Amino acid sequence: MKVIIVGGVAGGASCAARLRRLDEQAEILMVERGPYVSYANCGLPYHVGGVIEQESSLLVASEQTFRDMFAIDVRTNCEAISISPKDKTVDLRNVLTGEVISESYDKLVLSPGAASVHPPLPGIDLPGIFHVRTVPDVRTIREWIEGGSDYLAGMYRYSGIQMVKPVRRAVVVGGGFIGLETAENLVHLGFEVTLIQKPDHVLSPLDPEIACLVQEHIKRHGVKVAANDGVVGFKQLDGDVVEVQTNSGKTYPADIVILAIGVRPDTTLAKTADLTIGERGGIRVDEHMRTSEPDIFAVGDAIEVEDFVTGQSSLIALAGPANRQGRIAADVIAGRDSRYRGTQGTSIIGLFEGAAAWTGVNEKTLNKLGDEDYEKIFLFPNSHAGYYPGAKMLGLKVIFRKSDGLVLGAQALGQDGPAVDKRISALAMAIQMGATIYDLEEAELCYAPQFGSAKDPVNFAGMVAANIVRGDMPVTHWDRIEDGFLLDVREPMELSVESVPGAVNIPLGQLRDRLEELPRDQEILVICRSAQRAYAATRTLIQNGFEARTISGGTLARAMYSLGELKY
């Protein structure tokens, strides 16, 4: 059996290695149009900033590694340009010489990845404008920073005494993973960074009230954010400076511009074989990673996958899913009945010693789908036991079904990155296993005071959500409040720091003795800082005959909503 694999990075490389382990006799040819196979493209922004110092550190495996360890024929600088499913052949072009040859196959795996969005804007190909997609891309960026323009060359080689250091300016277009990570690394290099994005907040998988906190975090660390403003063109100024022009009419001069607008599935090769392209623009595959041609498989960023939670088609350009898809394709080619379960989009990003992470479906998507059978909670627990030094607050949003408690999605952020990672990773597994909020209540998780709490935030989320579903804690949210009597159960000294207009203050410790001050003909909406005391107050009120609800997340959630200017 002869298998050709097109694309030698995440999905393709995983497929090739797995297939060899399963079938020692198979003839395996892996072709890659770039100069490298199996490189860590997730590390590229950190090589820009010098966190990863050596380019060689990004190269996970070489052509020689695949030949020596797996007896796989690897050809770099080799581009697959057309497929004939009828003849079962692939035309391959040597990128360096232009020579074209044809190779036959029994099975074909496509892992061409996704191409950076490069819109036809005026001046977009000017010197000093770059993508961050491949190792050569980053090498070019580093060379430019070290002397690509007259100004940067002068800065890099300057050896005299400076009383005032001139400012180096960078513009990053796009607020996704690559844009934010590259912006952070440019700040570390001493650039004054402006991030321009068309949406109203960064990181589109996050809901606005969570994303706005990420946005404020990067602002505090020196990144200027221009949201709700798209780029319309670029203009060359004196000294190799590029002027970035936007919809609003504002202009931003830059010594370097990074385009991180997003990626699109590379389906050019698939279309030569008339493979079915899905509604989202990716190659359509089944759970075995087969395309519309039975002997052609596809994996990675080029394909459409089924969203594990919603069942909708989606595009998920992540290394983890690509690697698993490559492994499944190899299993199926080798005769095994492996199936892909779908993708939850589980992700994490580190920014300026903080982190944001998410898994499953967000509230925006549920509203877009018209799905009303959900509830959400906001929690602000410590990263570990509060009495142990170094505990930091986490912000956690969990979404679940009102009808049966099924966990649908979660988002978290905080300045303790490993603590954020731990909770979202646990919730990601819960979602994949079909867990409910009642399972979260009972989950047995690691505990020592430097790592967590006896009631882990995951347990805590389950308990709070279960209280809602069981009817113990009727809940509402700042974006749903219309009428009601606002009761603030914090201490008076807390109100001197932050107060809610129109709220009546009765501290929790005085509530039982002052019940006669509260109306029985209005619903009472109870608030405190994080909703823990509000829950206790709500229980007291309900058991004394009042109609009451807790406002989830308290004033901490209110601050998030105020920043987010929510648009669901």
Protein backbone atom coordinates (compact mmCIF):
# COMPACT_ATOMS: atom_id res chain seq x y z
CA MET A 1 0.00 0.00 0.00
CA LYS A 2 1.34 3.41 -1.02
CA VAL A 3 0.20 6.40 1.01
CA ILE A 4 0.96 10.00 0.09
CA ILE A 5 0.60 12.65 2.79
CA VAL A 6 0.42 16.26 1.65
CA GLY A 7 1.63 18.59 4.40
CA GLY A 8 4.32 17.79 6.92
CA VAL A 9 3.48 19.88 9.97
CA ALA A 10 1.01 18.93 12.77
CA GLY A 11 -1.64 16.71 11.17
CA GLY A 12 0.49 15.34 8.35
CA ALA A 13 3.50 14.51 10.49
CA SER A 14 1.35 12.82 13.14
CA CYS A 15 -0.39 10.76 10.47
CA ALA A 16 2.90 9.66 8.92
CA ALA A 17 4.50 8.59 12.21
CA ARG A 18 1.36 6.78 13.43
CA LEU A 19 0.88 4.97 10.14
CA ARG A 20 4.42 3.65 10.20
CA ARG A 21 3.97 2.34 13.73
CA LEU A 22 0.84 0.49 12.57
CA ASP A 23 2.09 -0.74 9.20
CA GLU A 24 5.75 -1.54 8.71
CA GLN A 25 5.21 -2.51 5.06
CA ALA A 26 3.39 0.60 3.82
CA GLU A 27 5.20 2.88 1.39
CA ILE A 28 4.80 6.36 2.86
CA LEU A 29 5.62 9.59 1.03
CA MET A 30 5.18 12.90 2.86
CA VAL A 31 5.54 16.14 0.90
CA GLU A 32 5.80 19.65 2.30
CA ARG A 33 5.88 22.81 0.17
CA GLY A 34 7.91 24.70 2.77
CA PRO A 35 11.53 24.07 3.79
CA TYR A 36 10.66 22.40 7.12
CA VAL A 37 8.48 19.60 8.43
CA SER A 38 7.09 19.21 11.93
CA TYR A 39 7.85 22.68 13.27
CA ALA A 40 6.24 24.39 16.26
CA ASN A 41 4.24 27.20 14.66
CA CYS A 42 2.59 27.92 18.03
CA GLY A 43 6.00 29.12 19.20
CA LEU A 44 6.59 31.57 16.35
CA PRO A 45 5.52 34.77 18.20
CA TYR A 46 7.92 33.87 21.02
CA HIS A 47 10.79 33.54 18.59
CA VAL A 48 9.94 37.03 17.33
CA GLY A 49 10.44 38.34 20.87
CA GLY A 50 13.49 36.22 21.65
CA VAL A 51 11.82 34.16 24.38
CA ILE A 52 12.66 31.18 22.17
CA GLU A 53 16.15 32.24 21.22
CA GLN A 54 17.16 29.70 18.60
CA GLU A 55 15.23 29.02 15.42
CA SER A 56 16.35 25.40 15.65
CA SER A 57 14.32 25.03 18.86
CA LEU A 58 11.15 25.35 16.75
CA LEU A 59 12.08 22.39 14.55
CA VAL A 60 10.56 19.34 16.23
CA ALA A 61 11.73 16.79 13.66
CA SER A 62 13.66 16.96 10.39
CA GLU A 63 13.45 15.13 7.08
CA GLN A 64 16.32 12.96 8.27
CA THR A 65 14.49 12.12 11.48
CA PHE A 66 11.52 10.76 9.55
CA ARG A 67 13.80 8.82 7.20
CA ASP A 68 15.97 7.30 9.92
CA MET A 69 13.33 6.57 12.55
CA PHE A 70 10.30 5.80 10.41
CA ALA A 71 11.60 4.94 6.93
CA ILE A 72 9.37 7.64 5.48
CA ASP A 73 10.24 9.36 2.20
CA VAL A 74 10.06 13.08 3.01
CA ARG A 75 10.34 15.79 0.37
CA THR A 76 10.45 19.42 1.45
CA ASN A 77 10.07 22.32 -1.00
CA CYS A 78 7.67 20.00 -2.80
CA GLU A 79 4.18 21.30 -3.54
CA ALA A 80 1.23 19.12 -4.51
CA ILE A 81 -0.53 21.04 -7.28
CA SER A 82 -3.27 18.72 -8.56
CA ILE A 83 -5.00 15.42 -7.86
CA SER A 84 -6.62 12.94 -10.19
CA PRO A 85 -8.94 10.73 -8.12
CA LYS A 86 -9.75 8.69 -11.24
CA ASP A 87 -6.12 7.84 -11.95
CA LYS A 88 -5.17 8.03 -8.24
CA THR A 89 -2.23 10.31 -8.94
CA VAL A 90 -0.87 13.53 -7.49
CA ASP A 91 1.21 16.05 -9.43
CA LEU A 92 4.15 17.36 -7.38
CA ARG A 93 6.14 20.48 -8.19
CA ASN A 94 9.66 21.14 -6.98
CA VAL A 95 9.37 24.66 -5.56
CA LEU A 96 13.07 25.39 -6.21
CA THR A 97 13.37 24.11 -9.79
CA GLY A 98 9.79 24.12 -11.06
CA GLU A 99 10.02 20.48 -12.15
CA VAL A 100 6.69 18.60 -12.02
CA ILE A 101 6.38 14.85 -11.55
CA SER A 102 3.40 12.57 -10.96
CA GLU A 103 3.11 10.06 -8.10
CA SER A 104 0.50 7.36 -7.76
CA TYR A 105 -1.23 6.53 -4.48
CA ASP A 106 -3.49 3.97 -2.89
CA LYS A 107 -4.50 6.33 -0.09
CA LEU A 108 -4.01 10.08 0.03
CA VAL A 109 -4.04 12.33 3.11
CA LEU A 110 -4.41 16.09 2.74
CA SER A 111 -3.02 18.28 5.49
CA PRO A 112 -2.35 21.57 3.68
CA GLY A 113 -3.26 23.75 6.65
CA ALA A 114 -4.74 27.22 6.41
CA ALA A 115 -3.45 30.31 4.66
CA SER A 116 -3.10 33.69 6.33
CA VAL A 117 -5.81 36.11 5.28
CA HIS A 118 -4.18 38.62 2.92
CA PRO A 119 -6.89 40.98 1.67
CA PRO A 120 -6.30 43.03 -1.51
CA LEU A 121 -5.83 46.33 0.29
CA PRO A 122 -3.82 49.21 -1.18
CA GLY A 123 -0.18 48.95 -0.11
CA ILE A 124 -0.52 45.61 1.66
CA ASP A 125 2.68 44.30 0.03
CA LEU A 126 4.86 47.23 1.09
CA PRO A 127 8.17 46.47 2.85
CA GLY A 128 7.76 46.19 6.60
CA ILE A 129 4.39 44.35 6.52
CA PHE A 130 4.52 40.72 7.63
CA HIS A 131 2.52 37.61 8.50
CA VAL A 132 3.51 35.25 11.33
CA ARG A 133 2.74 31.84 9.87
CA THR A 134 5.99 30.00 9.11
CA VAL A 135 9.58 29.80 10.31
CA PRO A 136 10.82 31.81 7.28
CA ASP A 137 8.18 34.48 8.10
CA VAL A 138 9.65 34.95 11.56
CA ARG A 139 13.22 34.92 10.30
CA THR A 140 12.31 37.78 7.97
CA ILE A 141 10.63 39.69 10.80
CA ARG A 142 13.68 39.34 13.03
CA GLU A 143 15.95 40.52 10.23
CA TRP A 144 13.70 43.54 9.66
CA ILE A 145 13.69 44.43 13.37
CA GLU A 146 17.47 44.17 13.44
CA GLY A 147 17.92 46.44 10.47
CA GLY A 148 15.28 46.19 7.76
CA SER A 149 14.62 49.93 7.62
CA ASP A 150 17.07 52.80 7.94
CA TYR A 151 15.53 53.78 11.28
CA LEU A 152 15.56 50.28 12.76
CA ALA A 153 19.07 49.65 11.45
CA GLY A 154 20.24 52.82 13.16
CA MET A 155 18.53 51.84 16.41
CA TYR A 156 19.99 48.34 16.30
CA ARG A 157 23.54 49.53 15.75
CA TYR A 158 23.43 52.68 17.86
CA SER A 159 26.29 52.75 20.36
CA GLY A 160 26.37 56.39 21.51
CA ILE A 161 24.95 57.98 24.64
CA GLN A 162 21.22 58.67 24.44
CA MET A 163 19.38 60.87 26.88
CA VAL A 164 16.01 60.05 25.25
CA LYS A 165 15.52 56.77 23.44
CA PRO A 166 13.52 57.12 20.20
CA VAL A 167 10.31 55.14 20.08
CA ARG A 168 9.96 52.17 17.77
CA ARG A 169 6.37 51.77 16.61
CA ALA A 170 4.55 48.58 15.69
CA VAL A 171 1.00 48.04 14.48
CA VAL A 172 -0.60 44.62 14.85
CA VAL A 173 -3.77 44.02 12.83
CA GLY A 174 -5.99 41.38 14.43
CA GLY A 175 -6.81 40.41 18.00
CA GLY A 176 -6.61 36.62 17.87
CA PHE A 177 -3.89 34.29 19.17
CA ILE A 178 -1.10 35.35 16.83
CA GLY A 179 -1.95 39.05 17.00
CA LEU A 180 -2.01 39.19 20.80
CA GLU A 181 1.05 37.00 21.31
CA THR A 182 3.05 38.95 18.77
CA ALA A 183 1.91 42.25 20.30
CA GLU A 184 3.15 41.10 23.70
CA ASN A 185 6.52 40.06 22.30
CA LEU A 186 6.94 43.35 20.46
CA VAL A 187 6.26 45.20 23.73
CA HIS A 188 9.01 43.15 25.36
CA LEU A 189 11.32 44.23 22.52
CA GLY A 190 10.62 47.87 23.37
CA PHE A 191 8.11 48.71 20.66
CA GLU A 192 5.17 51.02 21.18
CA VAL A 193 2.40 48.69 20.01
CA THR A 194 -1.04 49.51 18.64
CA LEU A 195 -3.44 46.65 18.00
CA ILE A 196 -6.18 47.34 15.45
CA GLN A 197 -9.18 45.06 15.14
CA LYS A 198 -12.51 45.15 13.39
CA PRO A 199 -14.58 43.41 16.14
CA ASP A 200 -15.38 45.19 19.37
CA HIS A 201 -13.22 42.89 21.46
CA VAL A 202 -10.22 40.57 21.22
CA LEU A 203 -10.38 36.77 21.17
CA SER A 204 -13.69 36.06 19.45
CA PRO A 205 -14.24 32.67 21.18
CA LEU A 206 -14.68 34.56 24.46
CA ASP A 207 -17.89 36.31 25.44
CA PRO A 208 -17.57 40.11 25.61
CA GLU A 209 -17.57 40.45 29.39
CA ILE A 210 -14.58 38.06 29.63
CA ALA A 211 -12.76 39.38 26.57
CA CYS A 212 -12.97 42.95 27.81
CA LEU A 213 -10.90 41.97 30.84
CA VAL A 214 -8.23 40.52 28.56
CA GLN A 215 -8.34 43.75 26.58
CA GLU A 216 -7.89 45.86 29.71
CA HIS A 217 -5.05 43.60 30.82
CA ILE A 218 -3.01 44.14 27.67
CA LYS A 219 -3.74 47.87 27.79
CA ARG A 220 -2.26 48.03 31.29
CA HIS A 221 0.89 46.48 29.87
CA GLY A 222 1.30 49.07 27.16
CA VAL A 223 -0.67 47.79 24.17
CA LYS A 224 -2.95 50.45 22.68
CA VAL A 225 -6.16 48.89 21.35
CA ALA A 226 -8.17 50.40 18.50
CA ALA A 227 -11.35 48.27 18.37
CA ASN A 228 -14.31 48.54 16.00
CA ASP A 229 -11.99 49.86 13.33
CA GLY A 230 -10.85 47.95 10.27
CA VAL A 231 -7.77 48.60 8.16
CA VAL A 232 -8.46 49.94 4.66
CA GLY A 233 -4.96 50.47 3.32
CA PHE A 234 -1.27 51.19 3.80
CA LYS A 235 0.91 54.04 2.58
CA GLN A 236 4.68 54.39 2.35
CA LEU A 237 6.10 57.35 4.27
CA ASP A 238 9.66 58.62 4.48
CA GLY A 239 12.26 56.43 6.10
CA ASP A 240 10.53 53.13 5.35
CA VAL A 241 7.70 54.03 7.73
CA VAL A 242 4.31 52.52 6.84
CA GLU A 243 1.14 54.46 7.53
CA VAL A 244 -1.76 52.20 8.48
CA GLN A 245 -5.09 53.68 7.39
CA THR A 246 -8.40 52.67 8.99
CA ASN A 247 -12.14 52.93 8.37
CA SER A 248 -12.51 55.64 10.97
CA GLY A 249 -10.07 57.89 9.12
CA LYS A 250 -7.37 57.49 11.75
CA THR A 251 -3.83 56.72 10.68
CA TYR A 252 -1.05 54.95 12.56
CA PRO A 253 2.60 55.30 11.52
CA ALA A 254 4.60 52.10 12.05
CA ASP A 255 8.13 50.85 11.66
CA ILE A 256 6.74 47.32 11.40
CA VAL A 257 3.25 45.97 10.71
CA ILE A 258 2.05 42.48 11.63
CA LEU A 259 -0.99 41.11 9.79
CA ALA A 260 -2.85 38.64 12.01
CA ILE A 261 -6.32 38.99 10.54
CA GLY A 262 -6.94 35.26 10.65
CA VAL A 263 -6.62 32.19 8.45
CA ARG A 264 -8.70 30.45 5.81
CA PRO A 265 -8.67 26.72 5.01
CA ASP A 266 -6.35 26.00 2.12
CA THR A 267 -8.66 24.11 -0.24
CA THR A 268 -6.87 24.84 -3.52
CA LEU A 269 -5.59 21.29 -3.91
CA ALA A 270 -8.86 19.72 -2.75
CA LYS A 271 -10.77 21.62 -5.41
CA THR A 272 -8.60 20.08 -8.17
CA ALA A 273 -10.05 16.73 -7.09
CA ASP A 274 -13.61 18.10 -6.87
CA LEU A 275 -13.77 17.21 -3.19
CA THR A 276 -16.83 18.51 -1.35
CA ILE A 277 -16.25 21.82 0.38
CA GLY A 278 -18.43 22.55 3.40
CA GLU A 279 -20.57 25.57 4.20
CA ARG A 280 -17.80 27.16 6.27
CA GLY A 281 -15.26 26.86 3.45
CA GLY A 282 -13.29 23.85 4.72
CA ILE A 283 -12.91 20.37 3.26
CA ARG A 284 -15.84 18.25 4.37
CA VAL A 285 -14.90 15.00 6.10
CA ASP A 286 -16.74 12.28 8.02
CA GLU A 287 -15.88 10.98 11.49
CA HIS A 288 -13.17 8.76 9.94
CA MET A 289 -11.56 11.84 8.32
CA ARG A 290 -12.63 10.64 4.85
CA THR A 291 -13.49 13.21 2.21
CA SER A 292 -16.11 12.77 -0.50
CA GLU A 293 -13.55 10.54 -2.26
CA PRO A 294 -13.25 7.30 -0.24
CA ASP A 295 -9.48 6.97 -0.71
CA ILE A 296 -8.71 10.60 0.12
CA PHE A 297 -8.54 11.76 3.74
CA ALA A 298 -8.09 15.27 5.11
CA VAL A 299 -6.99 16.58 8.51
CA GLY A 300 -6.00 19.77 10.27
CA ASP A 301 -6.76 23.42 9.64
CA ALA A 302 -8.09 22.80 6.12
CA ILE A 303 -11.14 20.80 7.19
CA GLU A 304 -14.54 21.50 8.66
CA VAL A 305 -15.22 19.71 11.92
CA GLU A 306 -18.36 19.12 13.93
CA ASP A 307 -18.66 21.23 17.05
CA PHE A 308 -18.85 18.73 19.90
CA VAL A 309 -21.48 20.74 21.80
CA THR A 310 -23.70 22.27 19.11
CA GLY A 311 -23.26 19.75 16.29
CA GLN A 312 -22.70 22.65 13.88
CA SER A 313 -19.93 22.74 11.29
CA SER A 314 -16.97 24.80 12.44
CA LEU A 315 -13.40 25.72 11.57
CA ILE A 316 -10.92 25.11 14.38
CA ALA A 317 -7.29 25.92 13.57
CA LEU A 318 -5.59 24.31 16.56
CA ALA A 319 -2.60 22.00 16.82
CA GLY A 320 -4.18 19.54 19.26
CA PRO A 321 -7.16 18.60 17.09
CA ALA A 322 -4.94 18.46 13.99
CA ASN A 323 -2.62 15.95 15.66
CA ARG A 324 -5.51 13.76 16.79
CA GLN A 325 -7.10 13.89 13.34
CA GLY A 326 -3.83 12.79 11.74
CA ARG A 327 -3.64 9.86 14.11
CA ILE A 328 -7.25 8.84 13.37
CA ALA A 329 -6.69 9.00 9.60
CA ALA A 330 -3.67 6.71 10.00
CA ASP A 331 -5.72 4.28 12.10
CA VAL A 332 -8.46 4.09 9.48
CA ILE A 333 -5.98 3.62 6.63
CA ALA A 334 -4.43 0.77 8.64
CA GLY A 335 -7.86 -0.87 9.02
CA ARG A 336 -8.91 0.32 12.45
CA ASP A 337 -12.31 1.78 13.28
CA SER A 338 -11.15 5.05 14.83
CA ARG A 339 -13.55 7.99 14.93
CA TYR A 340 -13.18 11.68 15.61
CA ARG A 341 -15.55 12.91 18.31
CA GLY A 342 -15.66 16.53 17.24
CA THR A 343 -13.94 19.63 18.49
CA GLN A 344 -14.66 21.76 21.56
CA GLY A 345 -12.16 24.47 20.67
CA THR A 346 -10.37 24.11 24.02
CA SER A 347 -7.69 26.81 24.10
CA ILE A 348 -5.47 28.90 26.34
CA ILE A 349 -3.41 32.02 25.74
CA GLY A 350 -0.77 33.50 27.99
CA LEU A 351 -0.39 37.29 28.04
CA PHE A 352 1.85 39.38 30.28
CA GLU A 353 2.02 36.73 33.03
CA GLY A 354 -1.73 36.16 32.91
CA ALA A 355 -3.86 33.69 30.99
CA ALA A 356 -7.28 33.29 29.43
CA ALA A 357 -8.77 29.93 28.45
CA TRP A 358 -12.02 28.46 27.20
CA THR A 359 -13.74 25.28 26.13
CA GLY A 360 -17.09 24.33 24.64
CA VAL A 361 -19.73 26.75 23.43
CA ASN A 362 -19.95 30.43 24.35
CA GLU A 363 -23.08 32.46 25.06
CA LYS A 364 -22.83 34.41 21.81
CA THR A 365 -23.12 31.20 19.82
CA LEU A 366 -26.08 29.90 21.82
CA ASN A 367 -27.94 33.16 21.27
CA LYS A 368 -27.10 33.11 17.57
CA LEU A 369 -28.55 29.59 17.34
CA GLY A 370 -31.67 30.67 19.22
CA ASP A 371 -30.93 28.22 22.03
CA GLU A 372 -32.61 29.45 25.23
CA ASP A 373 -32.16 26.30 27.30
CA TYR A 374 -29.07 27.48 29.12
CA GLU A 375 -28.00 29.33 32.23
CA LYS A 376 -24.68 30.89 33.19
CA ILE A 377 -22.82 31.59 36.40
CA PHE A 378 -19.87 33.81 37.29
CA LEU A 379 -17.45 32.87 40.04
CA PHE A 380 -14.34 34.56 41.37
CA PRO A 381 -12.51 31.97 43.47
CA ASN A 382 -8.86 32.01 44.49
CA SER A 383 -6.33 30.05 42.45
CA HIS A 384 -5.49 28.13 45.63
CA ALA A 385 -6.28 28.27 49.34
CA GLY A 386 -6.50 31.91 50.38
CA TYR A 387 -4.47 31.40 53.53
CA TYR A 388 -1.50 30.08 51.55
CA PRO A 389 0.74 32.87 50.15
CA GLY A 390 0.40 33.86 46.50
CA ALA A 391 -3.28 33.10 45.91
CA LYS A 392 -4.73 35.10 43.02
CA MET A 393 -8.30 35.58 41.93
CA LEU A 394 -9.68 33.64 38.98
CA GLY A 395 -12.61 34.79 36.89
CA LEU A 396 -14.73 31.83 35.79
CA LYS A 397 -17.86 31.66 33.63
CA VAL A 398 -19.66 28.34 33.27
CA ILE A 399 -22.60 27.70 30.91
CA PHE A 400 -24.96 24.76 31.38
CA ARG A 401 -28.38 23.44 30.39
CA LYS A 402 -31.25 24.63 32.53
CA SER A 403 -33.21 21.48 31.75
CA ASP A 404 -30.74 18.79 32.77
CA GLY A 405 -27.55 20.50 34.00
CA LEU A 406 -25.38 19.37 31.09
CA VAL A 407 -22.12 21.36 31.03
CA LEU A 408 -21.90 23.29 27.74
CA GLY A 409 -18.94 25.64 28.01
CA ALA A 410 -16.56 27.51 30.27
CA GLN A 411 -14.25 30.51 30.15
CA ALA A 412 -11.64 31.55 32.68
CA LEU A 413 -8.91 34.10 33.18
CA GLY A 414 -6.47 35.15 35.84
CA GLN A 415 -2.89 36.03 36.67
CA ASP A 416 -2.09 32.45 37.71
CA GLY A 417 -1.83 30.77 34.32
CA PRO A 418 -1.42 27.18 35.54
CA ALA A 419 -4.52 27.59 37.74
CA VAL A 420 -6.54 28.82 34.74
CA ASP A 421 -5.23 25.91 32.65
CA LYS A 422 -6.07 23.36 35.35
CA ARG A 423 -9.72 24.39 35.67
CA ILE A 424 -10.50 24.72 31.98
CA SER A 425 -8.72 21.43 31.21
CA ALA A 426 -10.84 19.69 33.86
CA LEU A 427 -14.02 21.26 32.48
CA ALA A 428 -13.01 20.34 28.92
CA MET A 429 -12.80 16.69 29.89
CA ALA A 430 -16.12 17.00 31.72
CA ILE A 431 -17.78 18.35 28.57
CA GLN A 432 -16.31 15.61 26.39
CA MET A 433 -17.57 12.94 28.78
CA GLY A 434 -21.07 14.45 28.84
CA ALA A 435 -20.82 15.53 32.47
CA THR A 436 -23.45 17.57 34.27
CA ILE A 437 -23.13 20.21 36.94
CA TYR A 438 -23.98 17.46 39.46
CA ASP A 439 -20.84 15.60 38.32
CA LEU A 440 -18.81 18.76 38.91
CA GLU A 441 -20.17 18.89 42.46
CA GLU A 442 -18.84 15.39 43.11
CA ALA A 443 -15.59 15.53 41.11
CA GLU A 444 -12.61 14.44 43.20
CA LEU A 445 -9.73 16.74 42.34
CA CYS A 446 -6.22 17.22 43.70
CA TYR A 447 -5.94 19.39 46.78
CA ALA A 448 -3.09 20.86 48.76
CA PRO A 449 -3.17 24.50 49.87
CA GLN A 450 -0.52 25.64 47.39
CA PHE A 451 -2.42 24.07 44.48
CA GLY A 452 -6.12 24.46 45.19
CA SER A 453 -8.88 24.50 47.78
CA ALA A 454 -10.88 21.82 49.53
CA LYS A 455 -13.76 23.05 47.38
CA ASP A 456 -11.97 23.40 44.07
CA PRO A 457 -13.32 26.09 41.71
CA VAL A 458 -14.61 23.25 39.52
CA ASN A 459 -16.53 21.79 42.48
CA PHE A 460 -17.66 25.26 43.48
CA ALA A 461 -19.01 25.89 39.97
CA GLY A 462 -20.97 22.65 40.12
CA MET A 463 -22.42 23.48 43.53
CA VAL A 464 -23.51 26.98 42.52
CA ALA A 465 -25.03 25.77 39.25
CA ALA A 466 -26.78 22.87 40.98
CA ASN A 467 -28.25 25.30 43.52
CA ILE A 468 -29.79 27.20 40.61
CA VAL A 469 -31.23 24.15 38.85
CA ARG A 470 -32.60 22.73 42.10
CA GLY A 471 -34.30 26.03 42.83
CA ASP A 472 -32.25 26.81 45.93
CA MET A 473 -30.76 29.95 44.41
CA PRO A 474 -32.90 31.79 41.86
CA VAL A 475 -30.47 33.84 39.81
CA THR A 476 -30.36 36.75 37.42
CA HIS A 477 -27.65 38.78 35.69
CA TRP A 478 -26.72 42.40 35.19
CA ASP A 479 -27.65 42.21 31.50
CA ARG A 480 -31.14 40.90 32.33
CA ILE A 481 -32.21 43.24 35.12
CA GLU A 482 -35.35 45.24 34.37
CA ASP A 483 -37.35 45.85 37.55
CA GLY A 484 -36.69 44.89 41.12
CA PHE A 485 -35.60 46.07 44.53
CA LEU A 486 -31.80 46.12 44.72
CA LEU A 487 -30.47 44.92 48.06
CA ASP A 488 -26.74 45.24 48.74
CA VAL A 489 -25.62 43.05 51.66
CA ARG A 490 -22.01 44.25 51.79
CA GLU A 491 -20.53 46.17 54.71
CA PRO A 492 -20.80 49.99 54.62
CA MET A 493 -17.03 50.41 54.30
CA GLU A 494 -17.13 48.43 51.05
CA LEU A 495 -19.64 50.86 49.59
CA SER A 496 -17.18 53.69 50.04
CA VAL A 497 -15.06 51.98 47.41
CA GLU A 498 -17.85 50.98 45.03
CA SER A 499 -21.60 51.36 45.26
CA VAL A 500 -24.53 50.47 43.01
CA PRO A 501 -26.92 53.38 42.33
CA GLY A 502 -30.37 52.80 43.78
CA ALA A 503 -29.37 49.83 45.94
CA VAL A 504 -30.43 49.71 49.60
CA ASN A 505 -27.67 48.56 51.94
CA ILE A 506 -28.43 46.10 54.72
CA PRO A 507 -25.29 44.16 55.73
CA LEU A 508 -25.79 40.40 55.80
CA GLY A 509 -25.21 40.21 59.55
CA GLN A 510 -28.13 42.60 60.16
CA LEU A 511 -30.56 41.16 57.60
CA ARG A 512 -32.64 38.92 59.87
CA ASP A 513 -33.30 41.82 62.24
CA ARG A 514 -34.30 44.24 59.47
CA LEU A 515 -36.59 42.17 57.27
CA GLU A 516 -39.48 44.59 57.93
CA GLU A 517 -37.61 47.23 55.90
CA LEU A 518 -37.94 45.15 52.72
CA PRO A 519 -40.91 45.10 50.29
CA ARG A 520 -43.04 42.00 49.93
CA ASP A 521 -44.66 43.19 46.71
CA GLN A 522 -41.41 43.41 44.72
CA GLU A 523 -38.78 40.93 43.70
CA ILE A 524 -35.59 41.56 45.68
CA LEU A 525 -32.36 41.35 43.69
CA VAL A 526 -29.48 40.65 46.04
CA ILE A 527 -25.88 41.69 45.46
CA CYS A 528 -22.53 41.57 47.21
CA ARG A 529 -18.99 41.59 45.86
CA SER A 530 -18.90 38.08 44.35
CA ALA A 531 -22.41 36.68 45.13
CA GLN A 532 -21.39 34.40 48.02
CA ARG A 533 -23.01 36.57 50.71
CA ALA A 534 -25.84 37.38 48.32
CA TYR A 535 -26.63 33.65 48.10
CA ALA A 536 -26.83 33.40 51.88
CA ALA A 537 -29.10 36.45 51.95
CA THR A 538 -31.30 35.03 49.18
CA ARG A 539 -31.80 31.82 51.16
CA THR A 540 -32.80 33.83 54.24
CA LEU A 541 -35.25 35.95 52.27
CA ILE A 542 -36.91 33.04 50.46
CA GLN A 543 -37.41 31.15 53.70
CA ASN A 544 -39.03 34.25 55.18
CA GLY A 545 -41.57 34.52 52.41
CA PHE A 546 -39.85 37.03 50.10
CA GLU A 547 -39.36 36.67 46.36
CA ALA A 548 -35.61 37.02 45.82
CA ARG A 549 -32.86 36.38 43.31
CA THR A 550 -29.07 36.50 43.50
CA ILE A 551 -27.28 38.57 40.87
CA SER A 552 -24.57 36.20 39.67
CA GLY A 553 -21.02 37.40 40.17
CA GLY A 554 -22.02 40.43 42.23
CA THR A 555 -20.26 43.73 41.70
CA LEU A 556 -17.25 41.95 40.19
CA ALA A 557 -19.48 40.77 37.34
CA ARG A 558 -21.02 44.24 37.11
CA ALA A 559 -17.57 45.69 36.45
CA MET A 560 -17.07 43.18 33.64
CA TYR A 561 -20.38 44.06 32.05
CA SER A 562 -19.59 47.77 32.28
CA LEU A 563 -16.29 47.27 30.48
CA GLY A 564 -17.75 44.94 27.87
CA GLU A 565 -20.64 47.10 26.64
CA LEU A 566 -22.31 43.81 25.89
CA LYS A 567 -23.58 42.97 22.42
CA TYR A 568 -25.10 39.49 22.42
